[in-house]
């Protein structure tokens, strides 16, 4: 399965920093971890995709 678009990963990471409810943040965090294995790897993927 190909990785998600960089803009989607950026949105997920922004949602984690927003004031949304904790349950929704957990769901977003689970998506990131299931896709990349960790939030840190998602951040690296996003920053490399923007350059």
C-alpha atoms as a PDB file:
ATOM      1  CA  UNK A   1       0.000   0.000   0.000  1.00  0.00           C
ATOM      2  CA  UNK A   2       1.477   3.380  -0.974  1.00  0.00           C
ATOM      3  CA  UNK A   3       2.060   5.956   1.752  1.00  0.00           C
ATOM      4  CA  UNK A   4      -0.603   8.636   2.224  1.00  0.00           C
ATOM      5  CA  UNK A   5      -0.204  12.042   0.590  1.00  0.00           C
ATOM      6  CA  UNK A   6       2.060  14.436   2.482  1.00  0.00           C
ATOM      7  CA  UNK A   7      -0.797  16.928   2.887  1.00  0.00           C
ATOM      8  CA  UNK A   8      -2.871  14.298   4.697  1.00  0.00           C
ATOM      9  CA  UNK A   9      -0.016  13.505   7.090  1.00  0.00           C
ATOM     10  CA  UNK A  10       0.435  17.241   7.705  1.00  0.00           C
ATOM     11  CA  UNK A  11      -3.279  17.501   8.529  1.00  0.00           C
ATOM     12  CA  UNK A  12      -3.090  14.557  10.933  1.00  0.00           C
ATOM     13  CA  UNK A  13      -0.132  16.130  12.741  1.00  0.00           C
ATOM     14  CA  UNK A  14      -1.889  19.503  12.942  1.00  0.00           C
ATOM     15  CA  UNK A  15      -4.967  17.832  14.408  1.00  0.00           C
ATOM     16  CA  UNK A  16      -2.844  16.347  17.182  1.00  0.00           C
ATOM     17  CA  UNK A  17      -1.819  19.886  18.166  1.00  0.00           C
ATOM     18  CA  UNK A  18      -5.340  21.319  18.000  1.00  0.00           C
ATOM     19  CA  UNK A  19      -7.929  21.754  20.725  1.00  0.00           C
ATOM     20  CA  UNK A  20     -10.115  18.891  19.514  1.00  0.00           C
ATOM     21  CA  UNK A  21     -11.447  16.276  21.902  1.00  0.00           C
ATOM     22  CA  UNK A  22      -9.050  13.703  23.308  1.00  0.00           C
ATOM     23  CA  UNK A  23     -10.943  10.766  21.768  1.00  0.00           C
ATOM     24  CA  UNK A  24     -10.516  12.231  18.295  1.00  0.00           C
ATOM     25  CA  UNK A  25      -6.815  12.874  18.928  1.00  0.00           C
ATOM     26  CA  UNK A  26      -6.357   9.250  19.947  1.00  0.00           C
ATOM     27  CA  UNK A  27      -8.006   8.118  16.715  1.00  0.00           C
ATOM     28  CA  UNK A  28      -5.698  10.343  14.646  1.00  0.00           C
ATOM     29  CA  UNK A  29      -2.666   9.166  16.615  1.00  0.00           C
ATOM     30  CA  UNK A  30      -3.648   5.540  15.993  1.00  0.00           C
ATOM     31  CA  UNK A  31      -3.870   6.227  12.239  1.00  0.00           C
ATOM     32  CA  UNK A  32      -0.394   7.741  12.255  1.00  0.00           C
ATOM     33  CA  UNK A  33       1.100   4.880  14.252  1.00  0.00           C
ATOM     34  CA  UNK A  34      -0.580   2.202  12.141  1.00  0.00           C
ATOM     35  CA  UNK A  35       0.705   3.886   8.976  1.00  0.00           C
ATOM     36  CA  UNK A  36       4.236   4.882  10.018  1.00  0.00           C
ATOM     37  CA  UNK A  37       4.985   3.084  13.284  1.00  0.00           C
ATOM     38  CA  UNK A  38       5.543   6.322  15.199  1.00  0.00           C
ATOM     39  CA  UNK A  39       4.717  10.004  15.138  1.00  0.00           C
ATOM     40  CA  UNK A  40       8.398  10.856  14.727  1.00  0.00           C
ATOM     41  CA  UNK A  41       8.613   8.893  11.477  1.00  0.00           C
ATOM     42  CA  UNK A  42       5.469  10.658  10.212  1.00  0.00           C
ATOM     43  CA  UNK A  43       7.116  14.016  10.949  1.00  0.00           C
ATOM     44  CA  UNK A  44      10.234  12.970   9.034  1.00  0.00           C
ATOM     45  CA  UNK A  45       8.105  11.725   6.114  1.00  0.00           C
ATOM     46  CA  UNK A  46       6.208  15.014   6.015  1.00  0.00           C
ATOM     47  CA  UNK A  47       9.322  17.194   6.203  1.00  0.00           C
ATOM     48  CA  UNK A  48      11.058  15.208   3.446  1.00  0.00           C
ATOM     49  CA  UNK A  49       7.963  15.376   1.271  1.00  0.00           C
ATOM     50  CA  UNK A  50       7.729  19.157   1.520  1.00  0.00           C
ATOM     51  CA  UNK A  51      11.314  19.830   0.450  1.00  0.00           C
END
